[in-house]
Structure formats: structure tokens, C-alpha cells
């Protein structure tokens, strides 16, 4: 009888114990992972709220602007802002255009984060094209923004880049960088495509200043 009981324990009970122990460890791991993830997320959002405000917010009080006529690309982690500029800006009033525009203008330049920009301003076409690589970090760094702008950017805290219309700083708009998206902003149309071969987004800003 004892021999049969011993064989039963070896054949059935021990595997069952191991099975239930494995299940218990699995759910313990899930619970631990959930707790660590939740704890990290809580700390992150606490940092978003409590981090000191900068002297100059990179969105609503950017030293380059503060207002911008063309749409802008913002790298949320670094606070670097790049205007997708097409037309000659007014040197006197922030966010306005010069009354005279040279329509024989083709240039390659660079944004604030080294982003290459290709600008065409001719009678046939007015556009600015940017090739957007993945940033080193995609997480929002609150130290570059005031509390109000942090609240507006909160939905894009892991976006890497966003598109901004900063012409009206009191009610500026935020647009996600999404493949296939197209946004109309006053006299501009911004389209977003993905170059799968080179793994980057192509952001094309088309201007319509001289269209009737």
C-alpha cells in the first residue's frame, strides 16, 4: 500500500504541485510587473507636474519666435523647435510674413536639431520638406515647458515629435505625426508619408500664399 501511495505521489501529486507552483509564480510575476510599471508611470506623471518651469517655455515663449507663421516640428524630449518655413518672414513683427517675397529661391538648410530642410519658393511651387528620423528618446521632458504647455502636450508624452501651429499662441494647435495624415493650417497644407526603405517620415509643407 505504501509503495502504491509513493508511486501515486511521484506520478501525479508532484507534477500537480509543480504545475500550481508555476501558475502561482506566473501570476506573482504579472502582479510584480504591473506594480513596477504602475509605480514608474506614477513617478513619471508626478515629475511632469512638479518639475520646475523654465525661464522660457520652448513652445509658447520660444526665443526664435515667439510666434511662427509656418507650422513647426517639436521634438518633445529636447524641446527643439523647427519651423517648416517657406516664405520670407517679417523682420519687425513675430509670426508675420514680409510683404515682398523672392520667388526664385531654392535652398537646403537645417533646423534647430540639425534636421535638414529643403525649401522651394518659386512661382510653380512653394514647399518645405523635412526628413524625420527617430529621435534618441521619445519621452516628454517637462523641464523645457511651462505647466500649461505640459498639460497640452500630455497626450503626446511618448510621441517623439509633434506638429504645432504656433501662429496664435493663446490657442495653439497640436497635430500627431501619423503616416498618411494631412493637415490644413491657414495657407499651409502639411502631409506626412513614411519612407519605409530608409525608415523615416517625410514631412511636406505646401504653401498657398499666391493662389487665388
N, C-alpha and C. Protein backbone atom coordinates (compact mmCIF):
# COMPACT_ATOMS: atom_id res chain seq x y z
N UNK A 1 0.83 -1.22 0.00
CA UNK A 1 0.00 0.00 0.00
C UNK A 1 0.86 1.26 0.00
N UNK A 2 1.87 1.23 0.85
CA UNK A 2 2.76 2.39 0.93
C UNK A 2 3.51 2.59 -0.39
N UNK A 3 3.86 1.43 -1.01
CA UNK A 3 4.57 1.51 -2.30
C UNK A 3 3.67 2.14 -3.36
N UNK A 4 2.39 1.76 -3.38
CA UNK A 4 1.44 2.33 -4.34
C UNK A 4 1.24 3.83 -4.09
N UNK A 5 1.14 4.18 -2.80
CA UNK A 5 0.96 5.60 -2.45
C UNK A 5 2.17 6.43 -2.88
N UNK A 6 3.37 5.86 -2.68
CA UNK A 6 4.59 6.56 -3.09
C UNK A 6 4.63 6.76 -4.60
N UNK A 7 4.25 5.70 -5.34
CA UNK A 7 4.21 5.82 -6.80
C UNK A 7 3.18 6.84 -7.25
N UNK A 8 2.03 6.86 -6.55
CA UNK A 8 0.97 7.83 -6.89
C UNK A 8 1.46 9.27 -6.69
N UNK A 9 2.16 9.45 -5.55
CA UNK A 9 2.69 10.79 -5.25
C UNK A 9 3.68 11.24 -6.33
N UNK A 10 4.56 10.31 -6.73
CA UNK A 10 5.57 10.65 -7.73
C UNK A 10 4.95 10.91 -9.10
N UNK A 11 3.96 10.11 -9.43
CA UNK A 11 3.39 10.20 -10.79
C UNK A 11 2.38 11.33 -10.94
N UNK A 12 1.63 11.63 -9.88
CA UNK A 12 0.51 12.56 -10.02
C UNK A 12 0.62 13.80 -9.14
N UNK A 13 0.84 13.61 -7.85
CA UNK A 13 0.79 14.74 -6.94
C UNK A 13 1.95 15.71 -7.15
N UNK A 14 3.16 15.16 -7.34
CA UNK A 14 4.30 16.06 -7.50
C UNK A 14 4.18 16.92 -8.76
N UNK A 15 3.79 16.35 -9.91
CA UNK A 15 3.58 17.22 -11.10
C UNK A 15 2.48 18.25 -10.88
N UNK A 16 1.42 17.86 -10.14
CA UNK A 16 0.36 18.82 -9.88
C UNK A 16 0.86 19.97 -9.02
N UNK A 17 1.67 19.63 -8.00
CA UNK A 17 2.23 20.68 -7.15
C UNK A 17 3.10 21.63 -7.97
N UNK A 18 3.95 21.04 -8.80
CA UNK A 18 4.82 21.86 -9.65
C UNK A 18 4.01 22.74 -10.60
N UNK A 19 2.92 22.17 -11.13
CA UNK A 19 2.06 22.93 -12.04
C UNK A 19 1.44 24.13 -11.35
N UNK A 20 0.88 23.91 -10.14
CA UNK A 20 0.25 25.01 -9.41
C UNK A 20 1.27 26.03 -8.92
N UNK A 21 2.48 25.55 -8.58
CA UNK A 21 3.54 26.48 -8.19
C UNK A 21 3.94 27.36 -9.37
N UNK A 22 3.99 26.75 -10.56
CA UNK A 22 4.33 27.52 -11.76
C UNK A 22 3.27 28.59 -12.04
N UNK A 23 1.99 28.20 -11.88
CA UNK A 23 0.91 29.18 -12.08
C UNK A 23 1.01 30.31 -11.07
N UNK A 24 1.29 29.96 -9.81
CA UNK A 24 1.41 30.97 -8.76
C UNK A 24 2.56 31.94 -9.06
N UNK A 25 3.70 31.39 -9.50
CA UNK A 25 4.84 32.25 -9.85
C UNK A 25 4.53 33.14 -11.05
N UNK A 26 3.78 32.58 -12.02
CA UNK A 26 3.41 33.36 -13.20
C UNK A 26 2.58 34.58 -12.82
N UNK A 27 1.54 34.35 -11.99
CA UNK A 27 0.68 35.47 -11.59
C UNK A 27 1.41 36.42 -10.65
N UNK A 28 2.32 35.89 -9.85
CA UNK A 28 3.13 36.77 -9.00
C UNK A 28 4.00 37.68 -9.85
N UNK A 29 4.55 37.10 -10.92
CA UNK A 29 5.36 37.90 -11.84
C UNK A 29 4.55 38.97 -12.53
N UNK A 30 3.34 38.59 -12.96
CA UNK A 30 2.46 39.58 -13.59
C UNK A 30 2.13 40.72 -12.64
N UNK A 31 1.80 40.35 -11.39
CA UNK A 31 1.45 41.35 -10.39
C UNK A 31 2.63 42.26 -10.10
N UNK A 32 3.81 41.67 -9.98
CA UNK A 32 5.01 42.46 -9.72
C UNK A 32 5.31 43.40 -10.88
N UNK A 33 5.19 42.87 -12.12
CA UNK A 33 5.42 43.71 -13.30
C UNK A 33 4.43 44.84 -13.38
N UNK A 34 3.15 44.53 -13.10
CA UNK A 34 2.13 45.59 -13.12
C UNK A 34 2.44 46.66 -12.08
N UNK A 35 2.86 46.23 -10.90
CA UNK A 35 3.17 47.19 -9.83
C UNK A 35 4.34 48.09 -10.23
N UNK A 36 5.41 47.48 -10.76
CA UNK A 36 6.58 48.27 -11.16
C UNK A 36 6.23 49.24 -12.28
N UNK A 37 5.45 48.75 -13.25
CA UNK A 37 5.04 49.61 -14.37
C UNK A 37 4.16 50.75 -13.87
N UNK A 38 3.19 50.41 -13.02
CA UNK A 38 2.29 51.43 -12.48
C UNK A 38 3.06 52.43 -11.63
N UNK A 39 4.01 51.92 -10.83
CA UNK A 39 4.80 52.80 -9.96
C UNK A 39 5.66 53.74 -10.80
N UNK A 40 6.29 53.20 -11.87
CA UNK A 40 7.12 54.03 -12.74
C UNK A 40 6.28 55.09 -13.44
N UNK A 41 5.09 54.69 -13.90
CA UNK A 41 4.20 55.64 -14.58
C UNK A 41 3.75 56.74 -13.62
N UNK A 42 3.46 56.36 -12.38
CA UNK A 42 3.06 57.36 -11.38
C UNK A 42 4.18 58.35 -11.13
N UNK A 43 5.41 57.86 -11.00
CA UNK A 43 6.57 58.74 -10.79
C UNK A 43 6.77 59.67 -11.98
N UNK A 44 6.56 59.13 -13.21
CA UNK A 44 6.74 59.96 -14.40
C UNK A 44 5.74 61.11 -14.42
N UNK A 45 4.46 60.81 -14.17
CA UNK A 45 3.45 61.87 -14.22
C UNK A 45 3.62 62.84 -13.04
N UNK A 46 4.12 62.36 -11.93
CA UNK A 46 4.41 63.26 -10.82
C UNK A 46 5.52 64.24 -11.22
N UNK A 47 6.51 63.72 -11.94
CA UNK A 47 7.61 64.57 -12.43
C UNK A 47 7.09 65.59 -13.44
N UNK A 48 6.16 65.17 -14.30
CA UNK A 48 5.56 66.10 -15.27
C UNK A 48 4.93 67.29 -14.55
N UNK A 49 4.25 67.01 -13.45
CA UNK A 49 3.52 68.06 -12.72
C UNK A 49 4.45 68.92 -11.87
N UNK A 50 5.45 68.30 -11.24
CA UNK A 50 6.23 69.01 -10.22
C UNK A 50 7.55 69.60 -10.71
N UNK A 51 8.02 69.22 -11.90
CA UNK A 51 9.29 69.77 -12.40
C UNK A 51 9.21 71.28 -12.51
N UNK A 52 10.26 72.00 -12.11
CA UNK A 52 10.23 73.47 -12.18
C UNK A 52 10.04 73.97 -13.60
N UNK A 53 9.36 75.07 -13.75
CA UNK A 53 9.17 75.68 -15.07
C UNK A 53 10.46 76.37 -15.52
N UNK A 54 10.74 76.38 -16.82
CA UNK A 54 11.92 77.07 -17.32
C UNK A 54 11.68 78.58 -17.40
N UNK A 55 12.74 79.33 -17.56
CA UNK A 55 12.60 80.77 -17.75
C UNK A 55 11.85 81.08 -19.05
N UNK A 56 12.12 80.28 -20.09
CA UNK A 56 11.46 80.46 -21.38
C UNK A 56 10.92 79.11 -21.84
N UNK A 57 9.61 79.02 -21.96
CA UNK A 57 8.98 77.80 -22.47
C UNK A 57 9.30 77.67 -23.96
N UNK A 58 9.72 76.47 -24.38
CA UNK A 58 10.11 76.26 -25.77
C UNK A 58 8.93 76.24 -26.73
N UNK A 59 7.71 76.24 -26.21
CA UNK A 59 6.54 76.26 -27.09
C UNK A 59 5.94 77.66 -27.16
N UNK A 60 5.53 78.22 -26.04
CA UNK A 60 4.78 79.48 -26.07
C UNK A 60 5.67 80.72 -25.88
N UNK A 61 6.96 80.52 -25.60
CA UNK A 61 7.85 81.68 -25.44
C UNK A 61 9.23 81.36 -26.00
N UNK A 62 9.23 80.72 -27.18
CA UNK A 62 10.48 80.29 -27.79
C UNK A 62 11.31 81.50 -28.22
N UNK A 63 12.61 81.52 -27.91
CA UNK A 63 13.45 82.66 -28.29
C UNK A 63 13.48 82.93 -29.79
N UNK A 64 13.20 81.92 -30.62
CA UNK A 64 13.19 82.13 -32.07
C UNK A 64 11.95 82.88 -32.53
N UNK A 65 10.89 82.87 -31.72
CA UNK A 65 9.61 83.43 -32.13
C UNK A 65 9.29 84.74 -31.43
N UNK A 66 8.33 84.73 -30.52
CA UNK A 66 7.66 83.51 -30.05
C UNK A 66 6.61 82.93 -31.00
N UNK A 67 6.00 83.78 -31.85
CA UNK A 67 5.00 83.28 -32.79
C UNK A 67 5.68 82.85 -34.09
N UNK A 68 5.06 81.90 -34.79
CA UNK A 68 5.61 81.40 -36.06
C UNK A 68 4.48 81.35 -37.08
N UNK A 69 4.79 81.80 -38.29
CA UNK A 69 3.76 81.79 -39.33
C UNK A 69 3.57 80.39 -39.90
N UNK A 70 4.66 79.67 -40.14
CA UNK A 70 4.56 78.32 -40.71
C UNK A 70 4.41 77.29 -39.60
N UNK A 71 3.87 76.11 -39.92
CA UNK A 71 3.83 75.02 -38.94
C UNK A 71 5.23 74.67 -38.44
N UNK A 72 5.28 74.13 -37.23
CA UNK A 72 6.57 73.80 -36.61
C UNK A 72 6.60 72.35 -36.16
N UNK A 73 7.79 71.76 -36.19
CA UNK A 73 8.03 70.43 -35.64
C UNK A 73 8.68 70.59 -34.27
N UNK A 74 8.15 69.89 -33.29
CA UNK A 74 8.71 69.92 -31.94
C UNK A 74 9.19 68.53 -31.56
N UNK A 75 10.46 68.41 -31.16
CA UNK A 75 10.98 67.18 -30.57
C UNK A 75 10.69 67.27 -29.07
N UNK A 76 9.76 66.45 -28.58
CA UNK A 76 9.22 66.65 -27.23
C UNK A 76 10.25 66.40 -26.14
N UNK A 77 11.25 65.56 -26.39
CA UNK A 77 12.24 65.25 -25.36
C UNK A 77 13.25 66.37 -25.18
N UNK A 78 13.64 67.01 -26.28
CA UNK A 78 14.70 68.03 -26.22
C UNK A 78 14.17 69.45 -26.22
N UNK A 79 12.89 69.63 -26.58
CA UNK A 79 12.34 70.98 -26.68
C UNK A 79 12.79 71.71 -27.93
N UNK A 80 13.48 71.03 -28.85
CA UNK A 80 13.96 71.70 -30.07
C UNK A 80 12.80 71.91 -31.03
N UNK A 81 12.69 73.14 -31.50
CA UNK A 81 11.58 73.54 -32.36
C UNK A 81 12.12 73.94 -33.73
N UNK A 82 11.52 73.41 -34.79
CA UNK A 82 11.94 73.72 -36.15
C UNK A 82 10.74 74.20 -36.94
N UNK A 83 10.81 75.42 -37.43
CA UNK A 83 9.73 75.96 -38.27
C UNK A 83 9.90 75.44 -39.69
N UNK A 84 8.81 74.94 -40.27
CA UNK A 84 8.83 74.48 -41.66
C UNK A 84 8.60 75.69 -42.58
N UNK A 85 9.53 76.58 -42.51
CA UNK A 85 9.41 77.90 -43.14
C UNK A 85 9.53 77.82 -44.65
N UNK A 86 8.65 78.53 -45.34
CA UNK A 86 8.69 78.63 -46.80
C UNK A 86 8.94 80.07 -47.23
N UNK A 87 8.18 80.98 -46.63
CA UNK A 87 8.20 82.37 -47.08
C UNK A 87 9.12 83.23 -46.22
N UNK A 88 9.55 84.32 -46.81
CA UNK A 88 10.42 85.27 -46.12
C UNK A 88 9.65 85.91 -44.95
N UNK A 89 10.19 85.79 -43.73
CA UNK A 89 9.46 86.35 -42.58
C UNK A 89 9.62 87.86 -42.46
N UNK A 90 8.69 88.46 -41.79
CA UNK A 90 8.79 89.89 -41.47
C UNK A 90 9.82 90.07 -40.37
N UNK A 91 10.74 91.01 -40.55
CA UNK A 91 11.81 91.22 -39.56
C UNK A 91 11.34 92.08 -38.39
N UNK A 92 10.15 92.63 -38.52
CA UNK A 92 9.67 93.55 -37.49
C UNK A 92 8.64 92.90 -36.56
N UNK A 93 7.75 92.10 -37.14
CA UNK A 93 6.66 91.52 -36.35
C UNK A 93 6.78 89.99 -36.33
N UNK A 94 6.84 89.44 -35.13
CA UNK A 94 6.95 87.99 -34.96
C UNK A 94 5.74 87.27 -35.53
N UNK A 95 5.99 86.23 -36.31
CA UNK A 95 4.91 85.42 -36.84
C UNK A 95 4.25 85.96 -38.08
N UNK A 96 4.76 87.02 -38.64
CA UNK A 96 4.18 87.60 -39.86
C UNK A 96 5.14 87.45 -41.03
N UNK A 97 4.62 87.64 -42.25
CA UNK A 97 5.43 87.48 -43.45
C UNK A 97 5.85 88.83 -44.01
N UNK A 98 6.97 88.82 -44.69
CA UNK A 98 7.43 90.03 -45.38
C UNK A 98 6.47 90.34 -46.53
N UNK A 99 6.21 91.63 -46.78
CA UNK A 99 5.31 91.99 -47.90
C UNK A 99 5.92 91.67 -49.27
N UNK A 100 7.22 91.51 -49.34
CA UNK A 100 7.88 91.16 -50.60
C UNK A 100 8.48 89.76 -50.47
N UNK A 101 8.28 88.97 -51.50
CA UNK A 101 8.76 87.60 -51.49
C UNK A 101 9.54 87.31 -52.78
N UNK A 102 10.75 86.79 -52.61
CA UNK A 102 11.56 86.36 -53.75
C UNK A 102 11.06 85.00 -54.21
N UNK A 103 10.61 84.91 -55.45
CA UNK A 103 10.06 83.66 -55.97
C UNK A 103 11.07 82.93 -56.87
N UNK A 104 12.31 83.08 -56.56
CA UNK A 104 13.36 82.33 -57.25
C UNK A 104 14.33 81.84 -56.19
N UNK A 105 13.80 80.97 -55.30
CA UNK A 105 14.53 80.63 -54.07
C UNK A 105 14.49 79.12 -53.86
N UNK A 106 15.66 78.50 -53.87
CA UNK A 106 15.79 77.06 -53.59
C UNK A 106 17.00 76.88 -52.68
N UNK A 107 16.78 76.26 -51.53
CA UNK A 107 17.88 76.16 -50.58
C UNK A 107 17.70 74.92 -49.70
N UNK A 108 18.82 74.40 -49.24
CA UNK A 108 18.81 73.39 -48.18
C UNK A 108 19.37 74.03 -46.93
N UNK A 109 18.64 73.91 -45.84
CA UNK A 109 19.09 74.48 -44.57
C UNK A 109 18.86 73.45 -43.47
N UNK A 110 19.10 73.87 -42.22
CA UNK A 110 18.96 72.95 -41.10
C UNK A 110 18.13 73.57 -39.99
N UNK A 111 17.31 72.73 -39.34
CA UNK A 111 16.52 73.18 -38.20
C UNK A 111 17.36 73.19 -36.94
N UNK A 112 16.71 73.51 -35.82
CA UNK A 112 17.41 73.67 -34.56
C UNK A 112 18.03 72.37 -34.05
N UNK A 113 17.53 71.24 -34.47
CA UNK A 113 18.08 69.95 -34.03
C UNK A 113 18.91 69.27 -35.12
N UNK A 114 19.37 70.07 -36.09
CA UNK A 114 20.15 69.51 -37.19
C UNK A 114 19.31 68.87 -38.27
N UNK A 115 17.99 69.05 -38.18
CA UNK A 115 17.06 68.45 -39.14
C UNK A 115 17.23 69.14 -40.51
N UNK A 116 17.56 68.40 -41.58
CA UNK A 116 17.70 69.03 -42.89
C UNK A 116 16.35 69.45 -43.47
N UNK A 117 16.30 70.65 -44.00
CA UNK A 117 15.08 71.20 -44.61
C UNK A 117 15.38 71.59 -46.05
N UNK A 118 14.50 71.20 -46.96
CA UNK A 118 14.65 71.54 -48.37
C UNK A 118 13.50 72.48 -48.74
N UNK A 119 13.87 73.71 -49.08
CA UNK A 119 12.87 74.77 -49.31
C UNK A 119 12.87 75.18 -50.78
N UNK A 120 11.68 75.18 -51.37
CA UNK A 120 11.49 75.69 -52.73
C UNK A 120 10.46 76.81 -52.66
N UNK A 121 10.83 77.96 -53.19
CA UNK A 121 9.88 79.08 -53.26
C UNK A 121 9.98 79.67 -54.68
N UNK A 122 9.12 79.14 -55.55
CA UNK A 122 9.09 79.60 -56.94
C UNK A 122 7.65 79.91 -57.31
N UNK A 123 7.44 80.37 -58.54
CA UNK A 123 6.07 80.64 -59.00
C UNK A 123 5.26 79.35 -59.09
N UNK A 124 5.95 78.25 -59.42
CA UNK A 124 5.24 76.97 -59.62
C UNK A 124 4.92 76.27 -58.30
N UNK A 125 5.82 76.33 -57.36
CA UNK A 125 5.64 75.58 -56.12
C UNK A 125 6.33 76.29 -54.95
N UNK A 126 5.65 76.25 -53.82
CA UNK A 126 6.24 76.75 -52.57
C UNK A 126 6.08 75.64 -51.53
N UNK A 127 7.22 75.12 -51.08
CA UNK A 127 7.17 73.99 -50.14
C UNK A 127 8.43 73.91 -49.29
N UNK A 128 8.28 73.20 -48.18
CA UNK A 128 9.40 72.87 -47.31
C UNK A 128 9.27 71.39 -46.97
N UNK A 129 10.34 70.63 -47.20
CA UNK A 129 10.32 69.18 -46.97
C UNK A 129 11.36 68.83 -45.91
N UNK A 130 10.93 68.05 -44.92
CA UNK A 130 11.82 67.58 -43.86
C UNK A 130 11.79 66.06 -43.80
N UNK A 131 12.94 65.47 -43.57
CA UNK A 131 13.06 64.01 -43.44
C UNK A 131 13.34 63.72 -41.97
N UNK A 132 12.37 63.10 -41.34
CA UNK A 132 12.33 63.00 -39.88
C UNK A 132 12.78 61.62 -39.41
N UNK A 133 13.97 61.56 -38.79
CA UNK A 133 14.47 60.31 -38.23
C UNK A 133 13.88 60.09 -36.84
N UNK A 134 13.96 58.85 -36.36
CA UNK A 134 13.52 58.56 -35.00
C UNK A 134 14.43 59.28 -34.00
N UNK A 135 13.86 59.98 -33.01
CA UNK A 135 14.70 60.66 -32.01
C UNK A 135 15.37 59.66 -31.07
N UNK A 136 16.45 60.10 -30.40
CA UNK A 136 17.14 59.22 -29.45
C UNK A 136 16.21 58.83 -28.30
N UNK A 137 15.38 59.76 -27.88
CA UNK A 137 14.37 59.47 -26.85
C UNK A 137 13.07 60.10 -27.28
N UNK A 138 11.96 59.39 -27.04
CA UNK A 138 10.65 59.89 -27.48
C UNK A 138 9.81 60.42 -26.33
N UNK A 139 10.36 60.45 -25.11
CA UNK A 139 9.58 60.80 -23.92
C UNK A 139 9.64 62.30 -23.63
N UNK A 140 8.52 62.87 -23.31
CA UNK A 140 8.42 64.29 -22.99
C UNK A 140 9.32 64.66 -21.82
N UNK A 141 10.12 65.72 -21.98
CA UNK A 141 10.94 66.24 -20.90
C UNK A 141 10.32 67.57 -20.43
N UNK A 142 9.66 67.56 -19.26
CA UNK A 142 8.88 68.74 -18.83
C UNK A 142 9.71 69.97 -18.52
N UNK A 143 11.01 69.81 -18.30
CA UNK A 143 11.84 70.96 -17.90
C UNK A 143 11.88 72.04 -18.98
N UNK A 144 11.47 71.73 -20.21
CA UNK A 144 11.52 72.71 -21.30
C UNK A 144 10.21 73.47 -21.48
N UNK A 145 9.18 73.12 -20.70
CA UNK A 145 7.85 73.67 -20.96
C UNK A 145 7.20 74.22 -19.69
N UNK A 146 6.36 75.23 -19.89
CA UNK A 146 5.57 75.75 -18.77
C UNK A 146 4.47 74.73 -18.43
N UNK A 147 3.81 74.92 -17.28
CA UNK A 147 2.80 73.96 -16.85
C UNK A 147 1.63 73.87 -17.83
N UNK A 148 1.24 75.00 -18.40
CA UNK A 148 0.11 74.99 -19.33
C UNK A 148 0.44 74.22 -20.59
N UNK A 149 1.64 74.40 -21.12
CA UNK A 149 2.04 73.68 -22.34
C UNK A 149 2.26 72.20 -22.05
N UNK A 150 2.74 71.87 -20.85
CA UNK A 150 2.87 70.46 -20.47
C UNK A 150 1.50 69.77 -20.50
N UNK A 151 0.50 70.46 -19.99
CA UNK A 151 -0.85 69.88 -19.97
C UNK A 151 -1.34 69.62 -21.39
N UNK A 152 -1.03 70.54 -22.32
CA UNK A 152 -1.46 70.36 -23.70
C UNK A 152 -0.68 69.26 -24.41
N UNK A 153 0.58 69.07 -24.01
CA UNK A 153 1.42 68.06 -24.64
C UNK A 153 1.29 66.68 -23.99
N UNK A 154 0.54 66.60 -22.89
CA UNK A 154 0.47 65.35 -22.11
C UNK A 154 0.01 64.16 -22.94
N UNK A 155 -0.92 64.38 -23.88
CA UNK A 155 -1.41 63.28 -24.71
C UNK A 155 -0.37 62.78 -25.70
N UNK A 156 0.73 63.52 -25.83
CA UNK A 156 1.78 63.16 -26.78
C UNK A 156 3.11 62.93 -26.06
N UNK A 157 3.03 62.49 -24.80
CA UNK A 157 4.21 62.38 -23.94
C UNK A 157 5.23 61.37 -24.47
N UNK A 158 4.80 60.41 -25.29
CA UNK A 158 5.71 59.41 -25.86
C UNK A 158 5.75 59.48 -27.38
N UNK A 159 5.40 60.64 -27.93
CA UNK A 159 5.25 60.74 -29.38
C UNK A 159 6.57 60.94 -30.13
N UNK A 160 7.59 61.43 -29.46
CA UNK A 160 8.85 61.73 -30.15
C UNK A 160 8.80 63.12 -30.77
N UNK A 161 7.93 63.27 -31.78
CA UNK A 161 7.72 64.56 -32.44
C UNK A 161 6.22 64.86 -32.51
N UNK A 162 5.89 66.14 -32.53
CA UNK A 162 4.54 66.59 -32.86
C UNK A 162 4.64 67.78 -33.79
N UNK A 163 3.55 68.06 -34.45
CA UNK A 163 3.45 69.21 -35.34
C UNK A 163 2.63 70.28 -34.62
N UNK A 164 3.10 71.51 -34.65
CA UNK A 164 2.43 72.60 -33.95
C UNK A 164 2.08 73.74 -34.90
N UNK A 165 0.94 74.37 -34.66
CA UNK A 165 0.59 75.63 -35.29
C UNK A 165 0.70 76.70 -34.22
N UNK A 166 1.78 77.47 -34.25
CA UNK A 166 2.08 78.46 -33.21
C UNK A 166 1.86 79.89 -33.69
N UNK A 167 0.94 80.05 -34.63
CA UNK A 167 0.65 81.42 -35.09
C UNK A 167 -0.14 82.17 -34.01
N UNK A 168 -1.12 81.52 -33.41
CA UNK A 168 -1.89 82.08 -32.31
C UNK A 168 -1.47 81.37 -31.03
N UNK A 169 -0.61 82.01 -30.26
CA UNK A 169 -0.04 81.36 -29.08
C UNK A 169 -1.06 81.16 -27.96
N UNK A 170 -2.14 81.91 -27.99
CA UNK A 170 -3.17 81.74 -26.96
C UNK A 170 -3.95 80.44 -27.16
N UNK A 171 -4.08 80.01 -28.41
CA UNK A 171 -4.85 78.80 -28.70
C UNK A 171 -4.12 77.97 -29.76
N UNK A 172 -2.87 77.63 -29.48
CA UNK A 172 -2.10 76.89 -30.48
C UNK A 172 -2.61 75.45 -30.59
N UNK A 173 -2.40 74.88 -31.77
CA UNK A 173 -2.90 73.53 -32.07
C UNK A 173 -1.75 72.53 -32.13
N UNK A 174 -2.03 71.28 -31.74
CA UNK A 174 -1.06 70.20 -31.78
C UNK A 174 -1.60 69.10 -32.69
N UNK A 175 -0.73 68.58 -33.57
CA UNK A 175 -1.12 67.52 -34.50
C UNK A 175 -0.13 66.36 -34.41
N UNK A 176 -0.60 65.14 -34.34
CA UNK A 176 0.31 63.98 -34.26
C UNK A 176 1.00 63.70 -35.59
N UNK A 177 2.20 63.13 -35.50
CA UNK A 177 2.92 62.69 -36.69
C UNK A 177 2.43 61.27 -37.00
N UNK A 178 1.54 61.18 -37.97
CA UNK A 178 0.90 59.91 -38.31
C UNK A 178 1.01 59.67 -39.81
N UNK A 179 1.44 58.48 -40.18
CA UNK A 179 1.58 58.16 -41.60
C UNK A 179 0.24 58.33 -42.33
N UNK A 180 0.29 59.06 -43.45
CA UNK A 180 -0.89 59.27 -44.26
C UNK A 180 -1.72 60.48 -43.85
N UNK A 181 -1.34 61.15 -42.75
CA UNK A 181 -2.12 62.30 -42.28
C UNK A 181 -1.89 63.52 -43.18
N UNK A 182 -2.90 64.38 -43.23
CA UNK A 182 -2.80 65.65 -43.94
C UNK A 182 -3.54 66.70 -43.13
N UNK A 183 -2.87 67.82 -42.87
CA UNK A 183 -3.44 68.87 -42.03
C UNK A 183 -3.43 70.20 -42.79
N UNK A 184 -4.56 70.91 -42.69
CA UNK A 184 -4.66 72.24 -43.28
C UNK A 184 -4.55 73.28 -42.18
N UNK A 185 -3.59 74.19 -42.33
CA UNK A 185 -3.36 75.25 -41.35
C UNK A 185 -3.24 76.58 -42.08
N UNK A 186 -4.34 77.32 -42.08
CA UNK A 186 -4.37 78.63 -42.74
C UNK A 186 -3.94 78.53 -44.21
N UNK A 187 -2.75 79.03 -44.60
CA UNK A 187 -2.34 78.96 -46.01
C UNK A 187 -1.40 77.77 -46.28
N UNK A 188 -1.36 76.82 -45.34
CA UNK A 188 -0.43 75.69 -45.48
C UNK A 188 -1.19 74.36 -45.47
N UNK A 189 -0.63 73.38 -46.18
CA UNK A 189 -1.10 72.00 -46.12
C UNK A 189 0.10 71.12 -45.81
N UNK A 190 0.03 70.41 -44.70
CA UNK A 190 1.14 69.53 -44.28
C UNK A 190 0.71 68.08 -44.49
N UNK A 191 1.50 67.34 -45.25
CA UNK A 191 1.23 65.92 -45.47
C UNK A 191 2.38 65.09 -44.91
N UNK A 192 2.05 63.89 -44.43
CA UNK A 192 3.04 63.03 -43.78
C UNK A 192 3.02 61.66 -44.44
N UNK A 193 4.17 61.25 -44.93
CA UNK A 193 4.33 59.92 -45.51
C UNK A 193 5.52 59.24 -44.83
N UNK A 194 5.65 57.96 -45.03
CA UNK A 194 6.78 57.22 -44.46
C UNK A 194 7.62 56.61 -45.58
N UNK A 195 8.92 56.85 -45.50
CA UNK A 195 9.87 56.20 -46.39
C UNK A 195 10.31 54.90 -45.70
N UNK A 196 9.68 53.79 -46.10
CA UNK A 196 9.95 52.52 -45.42
C UNK A 196 11.36 52.00 -45.70
N UNK A 197 11.90 52.34 -46.85
CA UNK A 197 13.24 51.86 -47.19
C UNK A 197 14.29 52.47 -46.28
N UNK A 198 14.14 53.77 -45.99
CA UNK A 198 15.11 54.46 -45.14
C UNK A 198 14.61 54.67 -43.71
N UNK A 199 13.39 54.19 -43.44
CA UNK A 199 12.81 54.23 -42.09
C UNK A 199 12.76 55.64 -41.50
N UNK A 200 12.13 56.55 -42.24
CA UNK A 200 11.89 57.87 -41.68
C UNK A 200 10.60 58.45 -42.28
N UNK A 201 10.09 59.46 -41.58
CA UNK A 201 8.91 60.18 -42.05
C UNK A 201 9.35 61.29 -43.00
N UNK A 202 8.52 61.54 -44.00
CA UNK A 202 8.72 62.69 -44.90
C UNK A 202 7.59 63.68 -44.61
N UNK A 203 7.97 64.84 -44.10
CA UNK A 203 7.00 65.89 -43.76
C UNK A 203 7.07 66.96 -44.85
N UNK A 204 5.97 67.14 -45.57
CA UNK A 204 5.94 68.11 -46.67
C UNK A 204 4.94 69.21 -46.34
N UNK A 205 5.46 70.44 -46.26
CA UNK A 205 4.62 71.60 -46.01
C UNK A 205 4.48 72.38 -47.30
N UNK A 206 3.25 72.42 -47.82
CA UNK A 206 2.97 73.15 -49.07
C UNK A 206 2.34 74.49 -48.75
N UNK A 207 2.85 75.57 -49.36
CA UNK A 207 2.30 76.90 -49.15
C UNK A 207 1.39 77.32 -50.30
N UNK A 208 0.36 78.13 -49.95
CA UNK A 208 -0.63 78.54 -50.95
C UNK A 208 -0.81 80.07 -50.92
N UNK A 209 0.26 80.79 -50.62
CA UNK A 209 0.14 82.25 -50.46
C UNK A 209 -0.31 82.94 -51.73
N UNK A 210 0.13 82.46 -52.88
CA UNK A 210 -0.13 83.16 -54.14
C UNK A 210 -1.26 82.52 -54.95
N UNK A 211 -1.99 81.62 -54.32
CA UNK A 211 -3.13 81.04 -55.02
C UNK A 211 -4.35 81.92 -54.84
N UNK A 212 -5.11 82.10 -55.92
CA UNK A 212 -6.29 82.96 -55.86
C UNK A 212 -7.48 82.21 -55.26
